[in-house]
Full PDB file with SEQRES, HELIX, SHEET, SSBOND, CRYST1, ORIGX, SCALE, CONECT and MASTER records, all heavy atoms in Angstrom:
SEQRES   1 A   34  GLU GLN PRO PHE LEU ALA GLY LEU THR GLU HIS GLN LEU          
SEQRES   2 A   34  SER LEU LEU ALA PRO LEU THR SER ARG SER MET PHE HIS          
SEQRES   3 A   34  ALA GLY ASN ARG ILE PHE ARG GLU                              
HELIX    1 AA1 PRO A    3  LEU A    5  5                                   3    
HELIX    2 AA2 GLU A   10  LEU A   16  1                                   7    
HELIX    3 AA3 ALA A   17  LEU A   19  5                                   3    
CRYST1    1.000    1.000    1.000  90.00  90.00  90.00 P 1           1          
ORIGX1      1.000000  0.000000  0.000000        0.00000                         
ORIGX2      0.000000  1.000000  0.000000        0.00000                         
ORIGX3      0.000000  0.000000  1.000000        0.00000                         
SCALE1      1.000000  0.000000  0.000000        0.00000                         
SCALE2      0.000000  1.000000  0.000000        0.00000                         
SCALE3      0.000000  0.000000  1.000000        0.00000                         
ATOM      1  N   GLU A   1      -9.287   4.211  -2.751  1.00  0.00           N  
ATOM      2  CA  GLU A   1     -10.188   3.180  -2.219  1.00  0.00           C  
ATOM      3  C   GLU A   1      -9.723   2.632  -0.874  1.00  0.00           C  
ATOM      4  O   GLU A   1     -10.476   1.918  -0.215  1.00  0.00           O  
ATOM      5  CB  GLU A   1     -10.303   2.024  -3.212  1.00  0.00           C  
ATOM      6  CG  GLU A   1     -10.959   2.396  -4.517  1.00  0.00           C  
ATOM      7  CD  GLU A   1     -10.843   1.288  -5.560  1.00  0.00           C  
ATOM      8  OE1 GLU A   1     -10.170   0.258  -5.293  1.00  0.00           O  
ATOM      9  OE2 GLU A   1     -11.419   1.468  -6.645  1.00  0.00           O  
ATOM     10  N   GLN A   2      -8.505   2.933  -0.468  1.00  0.00           N  
ATOM     11  CA  GLN A   2      -7.940   2.372   0.755  1.00  0.00           C  
ATOM     12  C   GLN A   2      -8.363   3.197   1.972  1.00  0.00           C  
ATOM     13  O   GLN A   2      -8.090   4.396   2.038  1.00  0.00           O  
ATOM     14  CB  GLN A   2      -6.414   2.317   0.671  1.00  0.00           C  
ATOM     15  CG  GLN A   2      -5.903   1.514  -0.504  1.00  0.00           C  
ATOM     16  CD  GLN A   2      -6.523   0.144  -0.565  1.00  0.00           C  
ATOM     17  OE1 GLN A   2      -6.485  -0.599   0.419  1.00  0.00           O  
ATOM     18  NE2 GLN A   2      -7.098  -0.206  -1.702  1.00  0.00           N  
ATOM     19  N   PRO A   3      -9.030   2.570   2.957  1.00  0.00           N  
ATOM     20  CA  PRO A   3      -9.494   3.312   4.134  1.00  0.00           C  
ATOM     21  C   PRO A   3      -8.388   4.089   4.844  1.00  0.00           C  
ATOM     22  O   PRO A   3      -8.623   5.200   5.322  1.00  0.00           O  
ATOM     23  CB  PRO A   3     -10.071   2.216   5.042  1.00  0.00           C  
ATOM     24  CG  PRO A   3     -10.477   1.130   4.101  1.00  0.00           C  
ATOM     25  CD  PRO A   3      -9.459   1.168   2.992  1.00  0.00           C  
ATOM     26  N   PHE A   4      -7.175   3.527   4.917  1.00  0.00           N  
ATOM     27  CA  PHE A   4      -6.077   4.211   5.601  1.00  0.00           C  
ATOM     28  C   PHE A   4      -5.740   5.545   4.939  1.00  0.00           C  
ATOM     29  O   PHE A   4      -5.276   6.471   5.599  1.00  0.00           O  
ATOM     30  CB  PHE A   4      -4.839   3.309   5.633  1.00  0.00           C  
ATOM     31  CG  PHE A   4      -3.662   3.922   6.346  1.00  0.00           C  
ATOM     32  CD1 PHE A   4      -3.644   4.042   7.726  1.00  0.00           C  
ATOM     33  CD2 PHE A   4      -2.560   4.381   5.638  1.00  0.00           C  
ATOM     34  CE1 PHE A   4      -2.566   4.602   8.390  1.00  0.00           C  
ATOM     35  CE2 PHE A   4      -1.477   4.941   6.285  1.00  0.00           C  
ATOM     36  CZ  PHE A   4      -1.479   5.053   7.674  1.00  0.00           C  
ATOM     37  N   LEU A   5      -5.971   5.645   3.648  1.00  0.00           N  
ATOM     38  CA  LEU A   5      -5.627   6.862   2.900  1.00  0.00           C  
ATOM     39  C   LEU A   5      -6.828   7.772   2.678  1.00  0.00           C  
ATOM     40  O   LEU A   5      -6.696   8.817   2.023  1.00  0.00           O  
ATOM     41  CB  LEU A   5      -4.992   6.484   1.561  1.00  0.00           C  
ATOM     42  CG  LEU A   5      -3.724   5.632   1.651  1.00  0.00           C  
ATOM     43  CD1 LEU A   5      -3.255   5.230   0.262  1.00  0.00           C  
ATOM     44  CD2 LEU A   5      -2.626   6.352   2.417  1.00  0.00           C  
ATOM     45  N   ALA A   6      -7.975   7.415   3.225  1.00  0.00           N  
ATOM     46  CA  ALA A   6      -9.191   8.204   3.023  1.00  0.00           C  
ATOM     47  C   ALA A   6      -8.970   9.651   3.464  1.00  0.00           C  
ATOM     48  O   ALA A   6      -8.381   9.913   4.507  1.00  0.00           O  
ATOM     49  CB  ALA A   6     -10.359   7.598   3.794  1.00  0.00           C  
ATOM     50  N   GLY A   7      -9.421  10.568   2.634  1.00  0.00           N  
ATOM     51  CA  GLY A   7      -9.324  11.980   2.966  1.00  0.00           C  
ATOM     52  C   GLY A   7      -8.085  12.664   2.427  1.00  0.00           C  
ATOM     53  O   GLY A   7      -7.990  13.888   2.477  1.00  0.00           O  
ATOM     54  N   LEU A   8      -7.111  11.897   1.923  1.00  0.00           N  
ATOM     55  CA  LEU A   8      -5.961  12.532   1.289  1.00  0.00           C  
ATOM     56  C   LEU A   8      -6.413  13.135  -0.035  1.00  0.00           C  
ATOM     57  O   LEU A   8      -7.332  12.628  -0.692  1.00  0.00           O  
ATOM     58  CB  LEU A   8      -4.837  11.525   1.045  1.00  0.00           C  
ATOM     59  CG  LEU A   8      -4.138  10.944   2.273  1.00  0.00           C  
ATOM     60  CD1 LEU A   8      -2.989  10.035   1.842  1.00  0.00           C  
ATOM     61  CD2 LEU A   8      -3.637  12.025   3.207  1.00  0.00           C  
ATOM     62  N   THR A   9      -5.775  14.212  -0.429  1.00  0.00           N  
ATOM     63  CA  THR A   9      -6.144  14.863  -1.675  1.00  0.00           C  
ATOM     64  C   THR A   9      -5.665  14.044  -2.867  1.00  0.00           C  
ATOM     65  O   THR A   9      -4.774  13.194  -2.741  1.00  0.00           O  
ATOM     66  CB  THR A   9      -5.526  16.272  -1.772  1.00  0.00           C  
ATOM     67  OG1 THR A   9      -4.099  16.130  -1.873  1.00  0.00           O  
ATOM     68  CG2 THR A   9      -5.896  17.132  -0.558  1.00  0.00           C  
ATOM     69  N   GLU A  10      -6.237  14.325  -4.012  1.00  0.00           N  
ATOM     70  CA  GLU A  10      -5.802  13.650  -5.234  1.00  0.00           C  
ATOM     71  C   GLU A  10      -4.325  13.930  -5.498  1.00  0.00           C  
ATOM     72  O   GLU A  10      -3.584  13.038  -5.918  1.00  0.00           O  
ATOM     73  CB  GLU A  10      -6.648  14.107  -6.425  1.00  0.00           C  
ATOM     74  CG  GLU A  10      -6.359  13.327  -7.679  1.00  0.00           C  
ATOM     75  CD  GLU A  10      -7.314  13.642  -8.816  1.00  0.00           C  
ATOM     76  OE1 GLU A  10      -8.460  14.038  -8.550  1.00  0.00           O  
ATOM     77  OE2 GLU A  10      -6.886  13.483  -9.974  1.00  0.00           O  
ATOM     78  N   HIS A  11      -3.881  15.148  -5.192  1.00  0.00           N  
ATOM     79  CA  HIS A  11      -2.467  15.478  -5.375  1.00  0.00           C  
ATOM     80  C   HIS A  11      -1.590  14.623  -4.456  1.00  0.00           C  
ATOM     81  O   HIS A  11      -0.559  14.088  -4.885  1.00  0.00           O  
ATOM     82  CB  HIS A  11      -2.227  16.962  -5.113  1.00  0.00           C  
ATOM     83  CG  HIS A  11      -0.782  17.338  -5.127  1.00  0.00           C  
ATOM     84  ND1 HIS A  11      -0.022  17.354  -6.274  1.00  0.00           N  
ATOM     85  CD2 HIS A  11       0.061  17.671  -4.114  1.00  0.00           C  
ATOM     86  CE1 HIS A  11       1.223  17.696  -5.978  1.00  0.00           C  
ATOM     87  NE2 HIS A  11       1.300  17.891  -4.669  1.00  0.00           N  
ATOM     88  N   GLN A  12      -1.968  14.490  -3.196  1.00  0.00           N  
ATOM     89  CA  GLN A  12      -1.189  13.679  -2.260  1.00  0.00           C  
ATOM     90  C   GLN A  12      -1.142  12.221  -2.702  1.00  0.00           C  
ATOM     91  O   GLN A  12      -0.088  11.588  -2.658  1.00  0.00           O  
ATOM     92  CB  GLN A  12      -1.771  13.801  -0.851  1.00  0.00           C  
ATOM     93  CG  GLN A  12      -1.563  15.166  -0.235  1.00  0.00           C  
ATOM     94  CD  GLN A  12      -2.341  15.364   1.056  1.00  0.00           C  
ATOM     95  OE1 GLN A  12      -3.472  14.886   1.193  1.00  0.00           O  
ATOM     96  NE2 GLN A  12      -1.724  16.058   2.006  1.00  0.00           N  
ATOM     97  N   LEU A  13      -2.277  11.711  -3.156  1.00  0.00           N  
ATOM     98  CA  LEU A  13      -2.311  10.332  -3.644  1.00  0.00           C  
ATOM     99  C   LEU A  13      -1.454  10.173  -4.889  1.00  0.00           C  
ATOM    100  O   LEU A  13      -0.787   9.138  -5.064  1.00  0.00           O  
ATOM    101  CB  LEU A  13      -3.752   9.901  -3.915  1.00  0.00           C  
ATOM    102  CG  LEU A  13      -4.661   9.813  -2.684  1.00  0.00           C  
ATOM    103  CD1 LEU A  13      -6.100   9.557  -3.112  1.00  0.00           C  
ATOM    104  CD2 LEU A  13      -4.174   8.765  -1.710  1.00  0.00           C  
ATOM    105  N   SER A  14      -1.420  11.201  -5.734  1.00  0.00           N  
ATOM    106  CA  SER A  14      -0.595  11.119  -6.952  1.00  0.00           C  
ATOM    107  C   SER A  14       0.891  11.104  -6.614  1.00  0.00           C  
ATOM    108  O   SER A  14       1.691  10.567  -7.380  1.00  0.00           O  
ATOM    109  CB  SER A  14      -0.927  12.266  -7.912  1.00  0.00           C  
ATOM    110  OG  SER A  14      -0.423  13.497  -7.423  1.00  0.00           O  
ATOM    111  N   LEU A  15       1.268  11.677  -5.486  1.00  0.00           N  
ATOM    112  CA  LEU A  15       2.666  11.618  -5.046  1.00  0.00           C  
ATOM    113  C   LEU A  15       3.019  10.230  -4.517  1.00  0.00           C  
ATOM    114  O   LEU A  15       4.147   9.755  -4.677  1.00  0.00           O  
ATOM    115  CB  LEU A  15       2.928  12.675  -3.966  1.00  0.00           C  
ATOM    116  CG  LEU A  15       2.777  14.134  -4.392  1.00  0.00           C  
ATOM    117  CD1 LEU A  15       2.891  15.055  -3.178  1.00  0.00           C  
ATOM    118  CD2 LEU A  15       3.812  14.498  -5.443  1.00  0.00           C  
ATOM    119  N   LEU A  16       2.055   9.572  -3.882  1.00  0.00           N  
ATOM    120  CA  LEU A  16       2.284   8.238  -3.315  1.00  0.00           C  
ATOM    121  C   LEU A  16       2.232   7.130  -4.364  1.00  0.00           C  
ATOM    122  O   LEU A  16       2.946   6.133  -4.252  1.00  0.00           O  
ATOM    123  CB  LEU A  16       1.247   7.942  -2.225  1.00  0.00           C  
ATOM    124  CG  LEU A  16       1.422   8.692  -0.909  1.00  0.00           C  
ATOM    125  CD1 LEU A  16       0.187   8.539  -0.040  1.00  0.00           C  
ATOM    126  CD2 LEU A  16       2.656   8.200  -0.181  1.00  0.00           C  
ATOM    127  N   ALA A  17       1.396   7.293  -5.366  1.00  0.00           N  
ATOM    128  CA  ALA A  17       1.157   6.215  -6.338  1.00  0.00           C  
ATOM    129  C   ALA A  17       2.435   5.647  -6.954  1.00  0.00           C  
ATOM    130  O   ALA A  17       2.585   4.419  -7.020  1.00  0.00           O  
ATOM    131  CB  ALA A  17       0.179   6.681  -7.418  1.00  0.00           C  
ATOM    132  N   PRO A  18       3.388   6.473  -7.407  1.00  0.00           N  
ATOM    133  CA  PRO A  18       4.591   5.889  -8.023  1.00  0.00           C  
ATOM    134  C   PRO A  18       5.493   5.140  -7.034  1.00  0.00           C  
ATOM    135  O   PRO A  18       6.424   4.451  -7.456  1.00  0.00           O  
ATOM    136  CB  PRO A  18       5.339   7.095  -8.585  1.00  0.00           C  
ATOM    137  CG  PRO A  18       4.437   8.252  -8.480  1.00  0.00           C  
ATOM    138  CD  PRO A  18       3.358   7.917  -7.518  1.00  0.00           C  
ATOM    139  N   LEU A  19       5.221   5.268  -5.740  1.00  0.00           N  
ATOM    140  CA  LEU A  19       6.048   4.628  -4.715  1.00  0.00           C  
ATOM    141  C   LEU A  19       5.473   3.284  -4.282  1.00  0.00           C  
ATOM    142  O   LEU A  19       5.941   2.689  -3.318  1.00  0.00           O  
ATOM    143  CB  LEU A  19       6.184   5.560  -3.500  1.00  0.00           C  
ATOM    144  CG  LEU A  19       6.609   6.999  -3.813  1.00  0.00           C  
ATOM    145  CD1 LEU A  19       6.737   7.795  -2.529  1.00  0.00           C  
ATOM    146  CD2 LEU A  19       7.883   7.039  -4.629  1.00  0.00           C  
ATOM    147  N   THR A  20       4.438   2.821  -4.996  1.00  0.00           N  
ATOM    148  CA  THR A  20       3.760   1.589  -4.616  1.00  0.00           C  
ATOM    149  C   THR A  20       3.848   0.531  -5.707  1.00  0.00           C  
ATOM    150  O   THR A  20       4.077   0.835  -6.871  1.00  0.00           O  
ATOM    151  CB  THR A  20       2.269   1.838  -4.308  1.00  0.00           C  
ATOM    152  OG1 THR A  20       1.610   2.226  -5.505  1.00  0.00           O  
ATOM    153  CG2 THR A  20       2.079   2.907  -3.255  1.00  0.00           C  
ATOM    154  N   SER A  21       3.656  -0.696  -5.266  1.00  0.00           N  
ATOM    155  CA  SER A  21       3.537  -1.835  -6.175  1.00  0.00           C  
ATOM    156  C   SER A  21       2.532  -2.781  -5.540  1.00  0.00           C  
ATOM    157  O   SER A  21       2.032  -2.532  -4.445  1.00  0.00           O  
ATOM    158  CB  SER A  21       4.891  -2.513  -6.379  1.00  0.00           C  
ATOM    159  OG  SER A  21       5.398  -2.982  -5.146  1.00  0.00           O  
ATOM    160  N   ARG A  22       2.252  -3.875  -6.219  1.00  0.00           N  
ATOM    161  CA  ARG A  22       1.317  -4.867  -5.679  1.00  0.00           C  
ATOM    162  C   ARG A  22       2.098  -6.109  -5.260  1.00  0.00           C  
ATOM    163  O   ARG A  22       3.068  -6.483  -5.911  1.00  0.00           O  
ATOM    164  CB  ARG A  22       0.269  -5.225  -6.717  1.00  0.00           C  
ATOM    165  CG  ARG A  22      -0.632  -4.047  -7.046  1.00  0.00           C  
ATOM    166  CD  ARG A  22      -1.623  -4.416  -8.128  1.00  0.00           C  
ATOM    167  NE  ARG A  22      -2.333  -3.257  -8.591  1.00  0.00           N  
ATOM    168  CZ  ARG A  22      -3.570  -2.955  -8.227  1.00  0.00           C  
ATOM    169  NH1 ARG A  22      -4.222  -3.734  -7.394  1.00  0.00           N  
ATOM    170  NH2 ARG A  22      -4.157  -1.873  -8.700  1.00  0.00           N  
ATOM    171  N   SER A  23       1.635  -6.728  -4.173  1.00  0.00           N  
ATOM    172  CA  SER A  23       2.275  -7.943  -3.667  1.00  0.00           C  
ATOM    173  C   SER A  23       1.226  -8.995  -3.366  1.00  0.00           C  
ATOM    174  O   SER A  23       0.070  -8.667  -3.097  1.00  0.00           O  
ATOM    175  CB  SER A  23       3.034  -7.656  -2.370  1.00  0.00           C  
ATOM    176  OG  SER A  23       4.067  -6.743  -2.573  1.00  0.00           O  
ATOM    177  N   MET A  24       1.666 -10.238  -3.377  1.00  0.00           N  
ATOM    178  CA  MET A  24       0.826 -11.352  -2.968  1.00  0.00           C  
ATOM    179  C   MET A  24       1.672 -12.278  -2.091  1.00  0.00           C  
ATOM    180  O   MET A  24       2.832 -12.555  -2.402  1.00  0.00           O  
ATOM    181  CB  MET A  24       0.316 -12.137  -4.166  1.00  0.00           C  
ATOM    182  CG  MET A  24      -0.607 -13.274  -3.757  1.00  0.00           C  
ATOM    183  SD  MET A  24      -1.183 -14.270  -5.129  1.00  0.00           S  
ATOM    184  CE  MET A  24       0.292 -15.208  -5.469  1.00  0.00           C  
ATOM    185  N   PHE A  25       1.080 -12.710  -0.993  1.00  0.00           N  
ATOM    186  CA  PHE A  25       1.741 -13.629  -0.071  1.00  0.00           C  
ATOM    187  C   PHE A  25       0.879 -14.872   0.059  1.00  0.00           C  
ATOM    188  O   PHE A  25      -0.329 -14.772   0.282  1.00  0.00           O  
ATOM    189  CB  PHE A  25       1.925 -12.983   1.311  1.00  0.00           C  
ATOM    190  CG  PHE A  25       2.616 -11.650   1.257  1.00  0.00           C  
ATOM    191  CD1 PHE A  25       1.893 -10.473   1.380  1.00  0.00           C  
ATOM    192  CD2 PHE A  25       3.982 -11.575   1.062  1.00  0.00           C  
ATOM    193  CE1 PHE A  25       2.528  -9.245   1.330  1.00  0.00           C  
ATOM    194  CE2 PHE A  25       4.625 -10.350   1.006  1.00  0.00           C  
ATOM    195  CZ  PHE A  25       3.898  -9.182   1.135  1.00  0.00           C  
ATOM    196  N   HIS A  26       1.503 -16.042  -0.078  1.00  0.00           N  
ATOM    197  CA  HIS A  26       0.777 -17.304   0.072  1.00  0.00           C  
ATOM    198  C   HIS A  26       0.654 -17.665   1.545  1.00  0.00           C  
ATOM    199  O   HIS A  26       1.445 -17.211   2.382  1.00  0.00           O  
ATOM    200  CB  HIS A  26       1.495 -18.422  -0.690  1.00  0.00           C  
ATOM    201  CG  HIS A  26       1.503 -18.207  -2.169  1.00  0.00           C  
ATOM    202  ND1 HIS A  26       0.383 -18.400  -2.943  1.00  0.00           N  
ATOM    203  CD2 HIS A  26       2.481 -17.806  -3.008  1.00  0.00           C  
ATOM    204  CE1 HIS A  26       0.671 -18.128  -4.199  1.00  0.00           C  
ATOM    205  NE2 HIS A  26       1.944 -17.762  -4.266  1.00  0.00           N  
ATOM    206  N   ALA A  27      -0.312 -18.489   1.851  1.00  0.00           N  
ATOM    207  CA  ALA A  27      -0.524 -18.934   3.228  1.00  0.00           C  
ATOM    208  C   ALA A  27       0.765 -19.513   3.802  1.00  0.00           C  
ATOM    209  O   ALA A  27       1.435 -20.320   3.160  1.00  0.00           O  
ATOM    210  CB  ALA A  27      -1.630 -19.980   3.272  1.00  0.00           C  
ATOM    211  N   GLY A  28       1.122 -19.068   4.990  1.00  0.00           N  
ATOM    212  CA  GLY A  28       2.311 -19.567   5.672  1.00  0.00           C  
ATOM    213  C   GLY A  28       3.589 -18.824   5.344  1.00  0.00           C  
ATOM    214  O   GLY A  28       4.610 -19.056   5.995  1.00  0.00           O  
ATOM    215  N   ASN A  29       3.570 -17.936   4.353  1.00  0.00           N  
ATOM    216  CA  ASN A  29       4.782 -17.176   4.014  1.00  0.00           C  
ATOM    217  C   ASN A  29       5.084 -16.139   5.087  1.00  0.00           C  
ATOM    218  O   ASN A  29       4.208 -15.373   5.474  1.00  0.00           O  
ATOM    219  CB  ASN A  29       4.625 -16.444   2.678  1.00  0.00           C  
ATOM    220  CG  ASN A  29       4.801 -17.351   1.490  1.00  0.00           C  
ATOM    221  OD1 ASN A  29       4.853 -18.561   1.611  1.00  0.00           O  
ATOM    222  ND2 ASN A  29       4.889 -16.747   0.326  1.00  0.00           N  
ATOM    223  N   ARG A  30       6.339 -16.131   5.541  1.00  0.00           N  
ATOM    224  CA  ARG A  30       6.775 -15.091   6.469  1.00  0.00           C  
ATOM    225  C   ARG A  30       7.053 -13.846   5.644  1.00  0.00           C  
ATOM    226  O   ARG A  30       7.838 -13.864   4.704  1.00  0.00           O  
ATOM    227  CB  ARG A  30       8.022 -15.504   7.241  1.00  0.00           C  
ATOM    228  CG  ARG A  30       8.467 -14.373   8.166  1.00  0.00           C  
ATOM    229  CD  ARG A  30       9.119 -14.826   9.411  1.00  0.00           C  
ATOM    230  NE  ARG A  30       8.343 -15.628  10.314  1.00  0.00           N  
ATOM    231  CZ  ARG A  30       7.484 -15.122  11.227  1.00  0.00           C  
ATOM    232  NH1 ARG A  30       7.269 -13.833  11.310  1.00  0.00           N  
ATOM    233  NH2 ARG A  30       6.841 -15.930  12.028  1.00  0.00           N  
ATOM    234  N   ILE A  31       6.387 -12.750   6.005  1.00  0.00           N  
ATOM    235  CA  ILE A  31       6.539 -11.484   5.278  1.00  0.00           C  
ATOM    236  C   ILE A  31       7.768 -10.742   5.794  1.00  0.00           C  
ATOM    237  O   ILE A  31       8.552 -10.208   5.017  1.00  0.00           O  
ATOM    238  CB  ILE A  31       5.257 -10.636   5.413  1.00  0.00           C  
ATOM    239  CG1 ILE A  31       4.069 -11.429   4.844  1.00  0.00           C  
ATOM    240  CG2 ILE A  31       5.414  -9.289   4.710  1.00  0.00           C  
ATOM    241  CD1 ILE A  31       2.716 -10.851   5.172  1.00  0.00           C  
ATOM    242  N   PHE A  32       7.928 -10.713   7.098  1.00  0.00           N  
ATOM    243  CA  PHE A  32       9.147 -10.163   7.698  1.00  0.00           C  
ATOM    244  C   PHE A  32       9.335 -10.757   9.080  1.00  0.00           C  
ATOM    245  O   PHE A  32       8.397 -11.250   9.693  1.00  0.00           O  
ATOM    246  CB  PHE A  32       9.164  -8.630   7.731  1.00  0.00           C  
ATOM    247  CG  PHE A  32       7.986  -7.980   8.404  1.00  0.00           C  
ATOM    248  CD1 PHE A  32       7.955  -7.794   9.773  1.00  0.00           C  
ATOM    249  CD2 PHE A  32       6.919  -7.518   7.646  1.00  0.00           C  
ATOM    250  CE1 PHE A  32       6.876  -7.170  10.387  1.00  0.00           C  
ATOM    251  CE2 PHE A  32       5.840  -6.893   8.241  1.00  0.00           C  
ATOM    252  CZ  PHE A  32       5.811  -6.729   9.611  1.00  0.00           C  
ATOM    253  N   ARG A  33      10.584 -10.716   9.542  1.00  0.00           N  
ATOM    254  CA  ARG A  33      10.966 -11.282  10.828  1.00  0.00           C  
ATOM    255  C   ARG A  33      11.398 -10.151  11.761  1.00  0.00           C  
ATOM    256  O   ARG A  33      12.075  -9.216  11.357  1.00  0.00           O  
ATOM    257  CB  ARG A  33      12.115 -12.273  10.635  1.00  0.00           C  
ATOM    258  CG  ARG A  33      12.487 -13.036  11.885  1.00  0.00           C  
ATOM    259  CD  ARG A  33      13.411 -14.208  11.616  1.00  0.00           C  
ATOM    260  NE  ARG A  33      12.867 -15.200  10.682  1.00  0.00           N  
ATOM    261  CZ  ARG A  33      11.933 -16.098  10.988  1.00  0.00           C  
ATOM    262  NH1 ARG A  33      11.425 -16.149  12.188  1.00  0.00           N  
ATOM    263  NH2 ARG A  33      11.517 -16.967  10.076  1.00  0.00           N  
ATOM    264  N   GLU A  34      10.985 -10.281  12.998  1.00  0.00           N  
ATOM    265  CA  GLU A  34      11.337  -9.323  14.045  1.00  0.00           C  
ATOM    266  C   GLU A  34      12.848  -9.088  14.064  1.00  0.00           C  
ATOM    267  O   GLU A  34      13.634 -10.031  13.991  1.00  0.00           O  
ATOM    268  CB  GLU A  34      10.874  -9.898  15.391  1.00  0.00           C  
ATOM    269  CG  GLU A  34      11.076  -9.030  16.585  1.00  0.00           C  
ATOM    270  CD  GLU A  34      10.498  -9.662  17.851  1.00  0.00           C  
ATOM    271  OE1 GLU A  34       9.687 -10.610  17.759  1.00  0.00           O  
ATOM    272  OE2 GLU A  34      10.878  -9.194  18.930  1.00  0.00           O  
TER     273      GLU A  34                                                      
MASTER        0    0    0    3    0    0    0    6  272    1    0    3          
END                                                                             
């Protein structure tokens, strides 16, 4: 469903899936610093 990954094969997506998790950031939270 992610536009950035559109066109990847189901096999390619199945390789990526175990390398992902879900995150939530609240308003004002610094995600990373330069």
